[in-house]
PDB file of N, CA and C in Angstrom:
ATOM      1  N   UNK A   1      11.149  16.266  -1.129  1.00  0.00           N
ATOM      2  CA  UNK A   1      10.725  14.994  -1.446  1.00  0.00           C
ATOM      3  C   UNK A   1       9.142  15.073  -1.725  1.00  0.00           C
ATOM      4  N   UNK A   2       8.601  14.732  -2.808  1.00  0.00           N
ATOM      5  CA  UNK A   2       7.130  14.692  -2.955  1.00  0.00           C
ATOM      6  C   UNK A   2       6.384  13.738  -1.821  1.00  0.00           C
ATOM      7  N   UNK A   3       5.333  14.103  -1.465  1.00  0.00           N
ATOM      8  CA  UNK A   3       4.580  13.299  -0.588  1.00  0.00           C
ATOM      9  C   UNK A   3       3.495  12.576  -1.283  1.00  0.00           C
ATOM     10  N   UNK A   4       3.238  11.246  -0.924  1.00  0.00           N
ATOM     11  CA  UNK A   4       2.116  10.437  -1.501  1.00  0.00           C
ATOM     12  C   UNK A   4       0.899  10.424  -0.702  1.00  0.00           C
ATOM     13  N   UNK A   5      -0.172  10.985  -1.305  1.00  0.00           N
ATOM     14  CA  UNK A   5      -1.407  11.146  -0.654  1.00  0.00           C
ATOM     15  C   UNK A   5      -2.501  10.023  -0.778  1.00  0.00           C
ATOM     16  N   UNK A   6      -1.993   8.961  -1.586  1.00  0.00           N
ATOM     17  CA  UNK A   6      -2.928   7.876  -1.881  1.00  0.00           C
ATOM     18  C   UNK A   6      -2.338   7.002  -3.006  1.00  0.00           C
ATOM     19  N   UNK A   7      -3.176   6.077  -3.398  1.00  0.00           N
ATOM     20  CA  UNK A   7      -2.823   5.306  -4.589  1.00  0.00           C
ATOM     21  C   UNK A   7      -4.007   5.065  -5.465  1.00  0.00           C
ATOM     22  N   UNK A   8      -3.791   4.640  -6.678  1.00  0.00           N
ATOM     23  CA  UNK A   8      -4.901   4.483  -7.760  1.00  0.00           C
ATOM     24  C   UNK A   8      -4.886   3.050  -8.267  1.00  0.00           C
ATOM     25  N   UNK A   9      -6.041   2.423  -8.500  1.00  0.00           N
ATOM     26  CA  UNK A   9      -6.215   1.235  -9.267  1.00  0.00           C
ATOM     27  C   UNK A   9      -6.739   1.465 -10.543  1.00  0.00           C
ATOM     28  N   UNK A  10      -6.065   1.067 -11.654  1.00  0.00           N
ATOM     29  CA  UNK A  10      -6.324   1.314 -13.066  1.00  0.00           C
ATOM     30  C   UNK A  10      -6.656   0.067 -13.729  1.00  0.00           C
ATOM     31  N   UNK A  11      -7.946  -0.056 -14.345  1.00  0.00           N
ATOM     32  CA  UNK A  11      -8.305  -1.121 -15.160  1.00  0.00           C
ATOM     33  C   UNK A  11      -7.824  -0.861 -16.607  1.00  0.00           C
ATOM     34  N   UNK A  12      -6.835  -1.549 -17.058  1.00  0.00           N
ATOM     35  CA  UNK A  12      -6.261  -1.184 -18.524  1.00  0.00           C
ATOM     36  C   UNK A  12      -7.058  -1.568 -19.604  1.00  0.00           C
ATOM     37  N   UNK A  13      -8.080  -2.320 -19.357  1.00  0.00           N
ATOM     38  CA  UNK A  13      -9.017  -2.820 -20.354  1.00  0.00           C
ATOM     39  C   UNK A  13      -9.953  -1.766 -20.628  1.00  0.00           C
ATOM     40  N   UNK A  14     -10.550  -1.108 -19.509  1.00  0.00           N
ATOM     41  CA  UNK A  14     -11.534  -0.107 -19.677  1.00  0.00           C
ATOM     42  C   UNK A  14     -11.167   1.316 -19.371  1.00  0.00           C
ATOM     43  N   UNK A  15     -10.053   1.450 -18.747  1.00  0.00           N
ATOM     44  CA  UNK A  15      -9.448   2.872 -18.490  1.00  0.00           C
ATOM     45  C   UNK A  15     -10.060   3.341 -17.128  1.00  0.00           C
ATOM     46  N   UNK A  16     -10.904   2.708 -16.476  1.00  0.00           N
ATOM     47  CA  UNK A  16     -11.512   3.001 -15.203  1.00  0.00           C
ATOM     48  C   UNK A  16     -10.332   3.144 -14.120  1.00  0.00           C
ATOM     49  N   UNK A  17     -10.454   4.253 -13.524  1.00  0.00           N
ATOM     50  CA  UNK A  17      -9.539   4.547 -12.227  1.00  0.00           C
ATOM     51  C   UNK A  17     -10.245   4.780 -11.062  1.00  0.00           C
ATOM     52  N   UNK A  18      -9.871   4.101 -10.063  1.00  0.00           N
ATOM     53  CA  UNK A  18     -10.360   4.169  -8.628  1.00  0.00           C
ATOM     54  C   UNK A  18      -9.184   4.607  -7.824  1.00  0.00           C
ATOM     55  N   UNK A  19      -9.517   5.472  -6.644  1.00  0.00           N
ATOM     56  CA  UNK A  19      -8.375   6.021  -5.982  1.00  0.00           C
ATOM     57  C   UNK A  19      -8.795   5.776  -4.500  1.00  0.00           C
ATOM     58  N   UNK A  20      -7.725   5.512  -3.767  1.00  0.00           N
ATOM     59  CA  UNK A  20      -7.745   5.418  -2.341  1.00  0.00           C
ATOM     60  C   UNK A  20      -6.969   6.604  -1.828  1.00  0.00           C
ATOM     61  N   UNK A  21      -7.415   7.590  -1.016  1.00  0.00           N
ATOM     62  CA  UNK A  21      -6.825   8.740  -0.516  1.00  0.00           C
ATOM     63  C   UNK A  21      -6.758   8.570   0.891  1.00  0.00           C
ATOM     64  N   UNK A  22      -5.449   8.716   1.536  1.00  0.00           N
ATOM     65  CA  UNK A  22      -5.109   8.566   2.841  1.00  0.00           C
ATOM     66  C   UNK A  22      -5.910   9.635   3.770  1.00  0.00           C
ATOM     67  N   UNK A  23      -6.087  10.741   3.403  1.00  0.00           N
ATOM     68  CA  UNK A  23      -6.790  11.685   4.227  1.00  0.00           C
ATOM     69  C   UNK A  23      -5.970  12.962   4.349  1.00  0.00           C
ATOM     70  N   UNK A  24      -6.635  13.945   4.887  1.00  0.00           N
ATOM     71  CA  UNK A  24      -6.160  15.302   5.017  1.00  0.00           C
ATOM     72  C   UNK A  24      -4.761  15.227   5.902  1.00  0.00           C
ATOM     73  N   UNK A  25      -3.681  15.602   5.183  1.00  0.00           N
ATOM     74  CA  UNK A  25      -2.261  15.701   5.843  1.00  0.00           C
ATOM     75  C   UNK A  25      -1.775  14.404   6.219  1.00  0.00           C
ATOM     76  N   UNK A  26      -2.255  13.381   5.638  1.00  0.00           N
ATOM     77  CA  UNK A  26      -1.743  11.916   5.817  1.00  0.00           C
ATOM     78  C   UNK A  26      -1.203  11.472   4.443  1.00  0.00           C
ATOM     79  N   UNK A  27       0.060  11.018   4.705  1.00  0.00           N
ATOM     80  CA  UNK A  27       0.934  10.650   3.507  1.00  0.00           C
ATOM     81  C   UNK A  27       1.433   9.164   3.810  1.00  0.00           C
ATOM     82  N   UNK A  28       1.662   8.481   2.676  1.00  0.00           N
ATOM     83  CA  UNK A  28       2.134   7.151   2.778  1.00  0.00           C
ATOM     84  C   UNK A  28       3.408   6.790   2.180  1.00  0.00           C
ATOM     85  N   UNK A  29       3.781   5.655   2.227  1.00  0.00           N
ATOM     86  CA  UNK A  29       4.985   5.049   1.715  1.00  0.00           C
ATOM     87  C   UNK A  29       4.628   4.095   0.624  1.00  0.00           C
ATOM     88  N   UNK A  30       5.576   3.190   0.193  1.00  0.00           N
ATOM     89  CA  UNK A  30       5.305   2.538  -1.030  1.00  0.00           C
ATOM     90  C   UNK A  30       4.282   1.329  -0.607  1.00  0.00           C
ATOM     91  N   UNK A  31       3.233   1.355  -1.386  1.00  0.00           N
ATOM     92  CA  UNK A  31       2.150   0.307  -1.140  1.00  0.00           C
ATOM     93  C   UNK A  31       2.663  -1.038  -1.589  1.00  0.00           C
ATOM     94  N   UNK A  32       2.103  -2.071  -0.917  1.00  0.00           N
ATOM     95  CA  UNK A  32       2.548  -3.557  -1.018  1.00  0.00           C
ATOM     96  C   UNK A  32       1.396  -4.272  -1.288  1.00  0.00           C
ATOM     97  N   UNK A  33       1.242  -5.076  -2.349  1.00  0.00           N
ATOM     98  CA  UNK A  33       0.148  -5.953  -2.538  1.00  0.00           C
ATOM     99  C   UNK A  33       0.432  -7.431  -1.859  1.00  0.00           C
ATOM    100  N   UNK A  34      -0.441  -7.900  -1.188  1.00  0.00           N
ATOM    101  CA  UNK A  34      -0.531  -9.232  -0.534  1.00  0.00           C
ATOM    102  C   UNK A  34      -1.715  -9.987  -1.088  1.00  0.00           C
ATOM    103  N   UNK A  35      -1.525 -11.078  -1.764  1.00  0.00           N
ATOM    104  CA  UNK A  35      -2.697 -11.763  -2.394  1.00  0.00           C
ATOM    105  C   UNK A  35      -3.391 -12.491  -1.155  1.00  0.00           C
ATOM    106  N   UNK A  36      -4.719 -12.473  -1.363  1.00  0.00           N
ATOM    107  CA  UNK A  36      -5.636 -13.268  -0.284  1.00  0.00           C
ATOM    108  C   UNK A  36      -5.423 -14.806  -0.430  1.00  0.00           C
ATOM    109  N   UNK A  37      -5.502 -15.210  -1.845  1.00  0.00           N
ATOM    110  CA  UNK A  37      -5.240 -16.566  -2.176  1.00  0.00           C
ATOM    111  C   UNK A  37      -4.404 -16.607  -3.283  1.00  0.00           C
ATOM    112  N   UNK A  38      -3.205 -17.193  -3.194  1.00  0.00           N
ATOM    113  CA  UNK A  38      -2.277 -17.121  -4.416  1.00  0.00           C
ATOM    114  C   UNK A  38      -2.879 -17.954  -5.583  1.00  0.00           C
ATOM    115  N   UNK A  39      -3.838 -18.758  -5.446  1.00  0.00           N
ATOM    116  CA  UNK A  39      -4.579 -19.379  -6.540  1.00  0.00           C
ATOM    117  C   UNK A  39      -5.743 -18.689  -7.291  1.00  0.00           C
ATOM    118  N   UNK A  40      -6.102 -17.644  -6.663  1.00  0.00           N
ATOM    119  CA  UNK A  40      -7.220 -16.897  -7.138  1.00  0.00           C
ATOM    120  C   UNK A  40      -7.019 -16.412  -8.602  1.00  0.00           C
ATOM    121  N   UNK A  41      -8.020 -16.371  -9.449  1.00  0.00           N
ATOM    122  CA  UNK A  41      -7.973 -15.870 -10.829  1.00  0.00           C
ATOM    123  C   UNK A  41      -7.997 -14.462 -11.024  1.00  0.00           C
ATOM    124  N   UNK A  42      -8.495 -13.782  -9.835  1.00  0.00           N
ATOM    125  CA  UNK A  42      -8.636 -12.286  -9.926  1.00  0.00           C
ATOM    126  C   UNK A  42      -7.350 -11.635  -9.338  1.00  0.00           C
ATOM    127  N   UNK A  43      -6.743 -10.886 -10.263  1.00  0.00           N
ATOM    128  CA  UNK A  43      -5.441 -10.180 -10.017  1.00  0.00           C
ATOM    129  C   UNK A  43      -5.591  -9.217  -8.887  1.00  0.00           C
ATOM    130  N   UNK A  44      -6.748  -8.777  -8.393  1.00  0.00           N
ATOM    131  CA  UNK A  44      -6.943  -7.826  -7.301  1.00  0.00           C
ATOM    132  C   UNK A  44      -7.450  -8.384  -6.087  1.00  0.00           C
ATOM    133  N   UNK A  45      -7.482  -9.821  -6.087  1.00  0.00           N
ATOM    134  CA  UNK A  45      -7.980 -10.481  -4.815  1.00  0.00           C
ATOM    135  C   UNK A  45      -6.881 -10.569  -3.763  1.00  0.00           C
ATOM    136  N   UNK A  46      -6.877  -9.524  -2.816  1.00  0.00           N
ATOM    137  CA  UNK A  46      -5.837  -9.389  -1.929  1.00  0.00           C
ATOM    138  C   UNK A  46      -6.091  -7.997  -1.107  1.00  0.00           C
ATOM    139  N   UNK A  47      -4.996  -7.699  -0.606  1.00  0.00           N
ATOM    140  CA  UNK A  47      -4.826  -6.426   0.337  1.00  0.00           C
ATOM    141  C   UNK A  47      -3.698  -5.564  -0.096  1.00  0.00           C
ATOM    142  N   UNK A  48      -3.833  -4.256   0.013  1.00  0.00           N
ATOM    143  CA  UNK A  48      -2.719  -3.277  -0.165  1.00  0.00           C
ATOM    144  C   UNK A  48      -2.476  -2.872   1.230  1.00  0.00           C
ATOM    145  N   UNK A  49      -1.124  -2.932   1.545  1.00  0.00           N
ATOM    146  CA  UNK A  49      -0.612  -2.527   2.859  1.00  0.00           C
ATOM    147  C   UNK A  49       0.281  -1.335   2.555  1.00  0.00           C
ATOM    148  N   UNK A  50       0.084  -0.350   3.437  1.00  0.00           N
ATOM    149  CA  UNK A  50       0.963   0.901   3.304  1.00  0.00           C
ATOM    150  C   UNK A  50       1.192   1.584   4.778  1.00  0.00           C
ATOM    151  N   UNK A  51       2.320   1.981   4.962  1.00  0.00           N
ATOM    152  CA  UNK A  51       2.715   2.764   5.978  1.00  0.00           C
ATOM    153  C   UNK A  51       2.080   4.236   5.773  1.00  0.00           C
ATOM    154  N   UNK A  52       1.389   4.750   6.813  1.00  0.00           N
ATOM    155  CA  UNK A  52       0.778   6.100   6.585  1.00  0.00           C
ATOM    156  C   UNK A  52       0.993   7.008   7.825  1.00  0.00           C
ATOM    157  N   UNK A  53       1.435   8.075   7.625  1.00  0.00           N
ATOM    158  CA  UNK A  53       1.836   9.079   8.615  1.00  0.00           C
ATOM    159  C   UNK A  53       0.877  10.355   8.663  1.00  0.00           C
ATOM    160  N   UNK A  54       0.267  10.559   9.683  1.00  0.00           N
ATOM    161  CA  UNK A  54      -0.579  11.745   9.904  1.00  0.00           C
ATOM    162  C   UNK A  54       0.190  12.816  10.439  1.00  0.00           C
ATOM    163  N   UNK A  55       0.438  13.904   9.654  1.00  0.00           N
ATOM    164  CA  UNK A  55       1.215  15.095   9.969  1.00  0.00           C
ATOM    165  C   UNK A  55       0.553  15.952  10.994  1.00  0.00           C
ATOM    166  N   UNK A  56      -0.680  15.865  11.199  1.00  0.00           N
ATOM    167  CA  UNK A  56      -1.366  16.794  12.287  1.00  0.00           C
ATOM    168  C   UNK A  56      -1.298  16.112  13.630  1.00  0.00           C
ATOM    169  N   UNK A  57      -1.496  14.919  13.642  1.00  0.00           N
ATOM    170  CA  UNK A  57      -1.371  14.085  14.863  1.00  0.00           C
ATOM    171  C   UNK A  57      -0.036  13.786  15.215  1.00  0.00           C
ATOM    172  N   UNK A  58       0.815  13.693  14.271  1.00  0.00           N
ATOM    173  CA  UNK A  58       2.300  13.073  14.287  1.00  0.00           C
ATOM    174  C   UNK A  58       2.111  11.745  14.685  1.00  0.00           C
ATOM    175  N   UNK A  59       1.200  11.004  14.165  1.00  0.00           N
ATOM    176  CA  UNK A  59       1.116   9.469  14.475  1.00  0.00           C
ATOM    177  C   UNK A  59       1.350   8.600  13.066  1.00  0.00           C
ATOM    178  N   UNK A  60       1.786   7.374  13.170  1.00  0.00           N
ATOM    179  CA  UNK A  60       1.930   6.557  11.977  1.00  0.00           C
ATOM    180  C   UNK A  60       1.061   5.203  12.306  1.00  0.00           C
ATOM    181  N   UNK A  61       0.577   4.748  11.108  1.00  0.00           N
ATOM    182  CA  UNK A  61      -0.133   3.422  11.182  1.00  0.00           C
ATOM    183  C   UNK A  61       0.191   2.682   9.813  1.00  0.00           C
ATOM    184  N   UNK A  62      -0.020   1.282  10.028  1.00  0.00           N
ATOM    185  CA  UNK A  62      -0.112   0.426   8.933  1.00  0.00           C
ATOM    186  C   UNK A  62      -1.591   0.355   8.364  1.00  0.00           C
ATOM    187  N   UNK A  63      -1.819   0.708   7.307  1.00  0.00           N
ATOM    188  CA  UNK A  63      -3.258   0.592   6.647  1.00  0.00           C
ATOM    189  C   UNK A  63      -3.351  -0.564   5.819  1.00  0.00           C
ATOM    190  N   UNK A  64      -4.451  -1.360   5.967  1.00  0.00           N
ATOM    191  CA  UNK A  64      -4.722  -2.566   5.135  1.00  0.00           C
ATOM    192  C   UNK A  64      -5.950  -2.302   4.433  1.00  0.00           C
ATOM    193  N   UNK A  65      -5.848  -2.258   3.108  1.00  0.00           N
ATOM    194  CA  UNK A  65      -6.975  -1.793   2.154  1.00  0.00           C
ATOM    195  C   UNK A  65      -7.321  -2.961   1.353  1.00  0.00           C
ATOM    196  N   UNK A  66      -8.604  -3.280   1.275  1.00  0.00           N
ATOM    197  CA  UNK A  66      -9.145  -4.371   0.348  1.00  0.00           C
ATOM    198  C   UNK A  66      -8.810  -4.007  -1.174  1.00  0.00           C
ATOM    199  N   UNK A  67      -8.014  -4.649  -1.775  1.00  0.00           N
ATOM    200  CA  UNK A  67      -7.578  -4.464  -3.200  1.00  0.00           C
ATOM    201  C   UNK A  67      -8.770  -4.505  -4.262  1.00  0.00           C
ATOM    202  N   UNK A  68      -9.676  -5.245  -3.945  1.00  0.00           N
ATOM    203  CA  UNK A  68     -10.982  -5.273  -4.816  1.00  0.00           C
ATOM    204  C   UNK A  68     -11.864  -4.194  -4.660  1.00  0.00           C
ATOM    205  N   UNK A  69     -12.068  -3.715  -3.446  1.00  0.00           N
ATOM    206  CA  UNK A  69     -13.191  -2.712  -3.165  1.00  0.00           C
ATOM    207  C   UNK A  69     -12.420  -1.253  -2.841  1.00  0.00           C
ATOM    208  N   UNK A  70     -11.069  -1.379  -2.628  1.00  0.00           N
ATOM    209  CA  UNK A  70     -10.485  -0.040  -2.167  1.00  0.00           C
ATOM    210  C   UNK A  70     -11.039   0.481  -0.938  1.00  0.00           C
ATOM    211  N   UNK A  71     -11.594  -0.417  -0.072  1.00  0.00           N
ATOM    212  CA  UNK A  71     -12.156   0.048   1.252  1.00  0.00           C
ATOM    213  C   UNK A  71     -11.087  -0.376   2.434  1.00  0.00           C
ATOM    214  N   UNK A  72     -10.927   0.473   3.322  1.00  0.00           N
ATOM    215  CA  UNK A  72     -10.020   0.278   4.458  1.00  0.00           C
ATOM    216  C   UNK A  72     -10.469  -0.905   5.241  1.00  0.00           C
ATOM    217  N   UNK A  73      -9.719  -1.935   5.501  1.00  0.00           N
ATOM    218  CA  UNK A  73     -10.079  -3.020   6.244  1.00  0.00           C
ATOM    219  C   UNK A  73      -9.611  -2.914   7.612  1.00  0.00           C
ATOM    220  N   UNK A  74      -8.449  -2.364   7.927  1.00  0.00           N
ATOM    221  CA  UNK A  74      -7.869  -2.329   9.174  1.00  0.00           C
ATOM    222  C   UNK A  74      -6.758  -1.321   9.242  1.00  0.00           C
ATOM    223  N   UNK A  75      -6.483  -0.624  10.437  1.00  0.00           N
ATOM    224  CA  UNK A  75      -5.491   0.085  10.789  1.00  0.00           C
ATOM    225  C   UNK A  75      -4.683  -0.316  12.040  1.00  0.00           C
ATOM    226  N   UNK A  76      -3.419  -0.348  11.919  1.00  0.00           N
ATOM    227  CA  UNK A  76      -2.543  -0.840  13.098  1.00  0.00           C
ATOM    228  C   UNK A  76      -1.806   0.324  13.485  1.00  0.00           C
ATOM    229  N   UNK A  77      -1.956   0.949  14.682  1.00  0.00           N
ATOM    230  CA  UNK A  77      -1.140   2.011  15.266  1.00  0.00           C
ATOM    231  C   UNK A  77       0.300   1.589  15.386  1.00  0.00           C
ATOM    232  N   UNK A  78       1.284   2.351  14.988  1.00  0.00           N
ATOM    233  CA  UNK A  78       2.719   2.064  15.133  1.00  0.00           C
ATOM    234  C   UNK A  78       3.332   2.767  16.253  1.00  0.00           C
ATOM    235  N   UNK A  79       4.306   2.259  16.952  1.00  0.00           N
ATOM    236  CA  UNK A  79       4.830   2.932  18.055  1.00  0.00           C
ATOM    237  C   UNK A  79       5.669   4.007  17.736  1.00  0.00           C
ATOM    238  N   UNK A  80       6.216   4.196  16.454  1.00  0.00           N
ATOM    239  CA  UNK A  80       7.036   5.265  15.975  1.00  0.00           C
ATOM    240  C   UNK A  80       6.869   5.283  14.512  1.00  0.00           C
ATOM    241  N   UNK A  81       7.402   6.662  14.065  1.00  0.00           N
ATOM    242  CA  UNK A  81       7.108   6.999  12.582  1.00  0.00           C
ATOM    243  C   UNK A  81       7.905   6.168  11.647  1.00  0.00           C
ATOM    244  N   UNK A  82       7.351   5.774  10.670  1.00  0.00           N
ATOM    245  CA  UNK A  82       8.096   5.134   9.544  1.00  0.00           C
ATOM    246  C   UNK A  82       8.440   6.254   8.494  1.00  0.00           C
ATOM    247  N   UNK A  83       9.642   6.413   8.145  1.00  0.00           N
ATOM    248  CA  UNK A  83      10.057   7.616   7.278  1.00  0.00           C
ATOM    249  C   UNK A  83       9.562   7.442   5.911  1.00  0.00           C
ATOM    250  N   UNK A  84       9.224   8.516   5.166  1.00  0.00           N
ATOM    251  CA  UNK A  84       8.779   8.647   3.887  1.00  0.00           C
ATOM    252  C   UNK A  84       9.867   7.950   3.024  1.00  0.00           C
ATOM    253  N   UNK A  85       9.480   7.246   1.988  1.00  0.00           N
ATOM    254  CA  UNK A  85      10.361   6.618   1.053  1.00  0.00           C
ATOM    255  C   UNK A  85      10.917   5.284   1.571  1.00  0.00           C
ATOM    256  N   UNK A  86      10.450   4.878   2.640  1.00  0.00           N
ATOM    257  CA  UNK A  86      10.781   3.457   3.238  1.00  0.00           C
ATOM    258  C   UNK A  86      10.147   2.456   2.286  1.00  0.00           C
ATOM    259  N   UNK A  87      10.955   1.475   1.963  1.00  0.00           N
ATOM    260  CA  UNK A  87      10.498   0.637   0.849  1.00  0.00           C
ATOM    261  C   UNK A  87       9.650  -0.471   1.522  1.00  0.00           C
ATOM    262  N   UNK A  88       8.619  -0.871   0.791  1.00  0.00           N
ATOM    263  CA  UNK A  88       7.756  -1.868   1.344  1.00  0.00           C
ATOM    264  C   UNK A  88       8.033  -3.253   0.793  1.00  0.00           C
ATOM    265  N   UNK A  89       8.978  -3.500  -0.226  1.00  0.00           N
ATOM    266  CA  UNK A  89       9.400  -4.736  -0.656  1.00  0.00           C
ATOM    267  C   UNK A  89      10.807  -4.987  -0.572  1.00  0.00           C
ATOM    268  N   UNK A  90      11.356  -6.085  -0.083  1.00  0.00           N
ATOM    269  CA  UNK A  90      12.675  -6.401  -0.030  1.00  0.00           C
ATOM    270  C   UNK A  90      12.786  -7.899  -0.475  1.00  0.00           C
ATOM    271  N   UNK A  91      13.895  -8.295  -1.161  1.00  0.00           N
ATOM    272  CA  UNK A  91      14.147  -9.678  -1.554  1.00  0.00           C
ATOM    273  C   UNK A  91      15.570  -9.942  -1.170  1.00  0.00           C
ATOM    274  N   UNK A  92      15.825 -11.213  -0.922  1.00  0.00           N
ATOM    275  CA  UNK A  92      17.081 -11.765  -0.572  1.00  0.00           C
ATOM    276  C   UNK A  92      17.960 -11.852  -1.719  1.00  0.00           C
ATOM    277  N   UNK A  93      19.333 -11.837  -1.475  1.00  0.00           N
ATOM    278  CA  UNK A  93      20.182 -11.857  -2.596  1.00  0.00           C
ATOM    279  C   UNK A  93      20.063 -13.167  -3.281  1.00  0.00           C
ATOM    280  N   UNK A  94      19.718 -14.275  -2.765  1.00  0.00           N
ATOM    281  CA  UNK A  94      19.453 -15.575  -3.267  1.00  0.00           C
ATOM    282  C   UNK A  94      18.374 -15.448  -4.396  1.00  0.00           C
ATOM    283  N   UNK A  95      17.114 -14.770  -4.065  1.00  0.00           N
ATOM    284  CA  UNK A  95      16.014 -14.520  -5.023  1.00  0.00           C
ATOM    285  C   UNK A  95      16.577 -13.674  -6.095  1.00  0.00           C
ATOM    286  N   UNK A  96      17.375 -12.570  -5.803  1.00  0.00           N
ATOM    287  CA  UNK A  96      17.872 -11.798  -6.872  1.00  0.00           C
ATOM    288  C   UNK A  96      18.549 -12.501  -7.767  1.00  0.00           C
ATOM    289  N   UNK A  97      19.511 -13.311  -7.355  1.00  0.00           N
ATOM    290  CA  UNK A  97      20.506 -14.150  -8.098  1.00  0.00           C
ATOM    291  C   UNK A  97      19.651 -14.947  -9.080  1.00  0.00           C
ATOM    292  N   UNK A  98      18.468 -15.599  -8.514  1.00  0.00           N
ATOM    293  CA  UNK A  98      17.649 -16.512  -9.235  1.00  0.00           C
ATOM    294  C   UNK A  98      16.951 -15.854 -10.549  1.00  0.00           C
ATOM    295  N   UNK A  99      16.725 -14.417 -10.339  1.00  0.00           N
ATOM    296  CA  UNK A  99      16.038 -13.776 -11.289  1.00  0.00           C
ATOM    297  C   UNK A  99      17.083 -13.307 -12.482  1.00  0.00           C
ATOM    298  N   UNK A 100      18.189 -13.368 -12.250  1.00  0.00           N
ATOM    299  CA  UNK A 100      19.280 -13.036 -13.259  1.00  0.00           C
ATOM    300  C   UNK A 100      19.472 -13.916 -14.302  1.00  0.00           C
TER     301      UNK A 100
END
């Protein structure tokens, strides 16, 4: 399975690409966007959350990245490893039925 070493933010109007890299031998799962304010007019006004595993130290954490600046805001050490490929988004069957 390929390992994810970070994520990118792409401005589709200008083509500008910004990257957030987890670090040496650090790999993450599926990033999840959480809006700071659901009424904000900026589409990147929020946070990107991702489970990250450090293969050197064999430790995992939840990283919280500011989506506007792509700067790390916080890291939360996890008591156990989150497997690669673990999904960050789940919806209820009721919500799924409402989308059909």
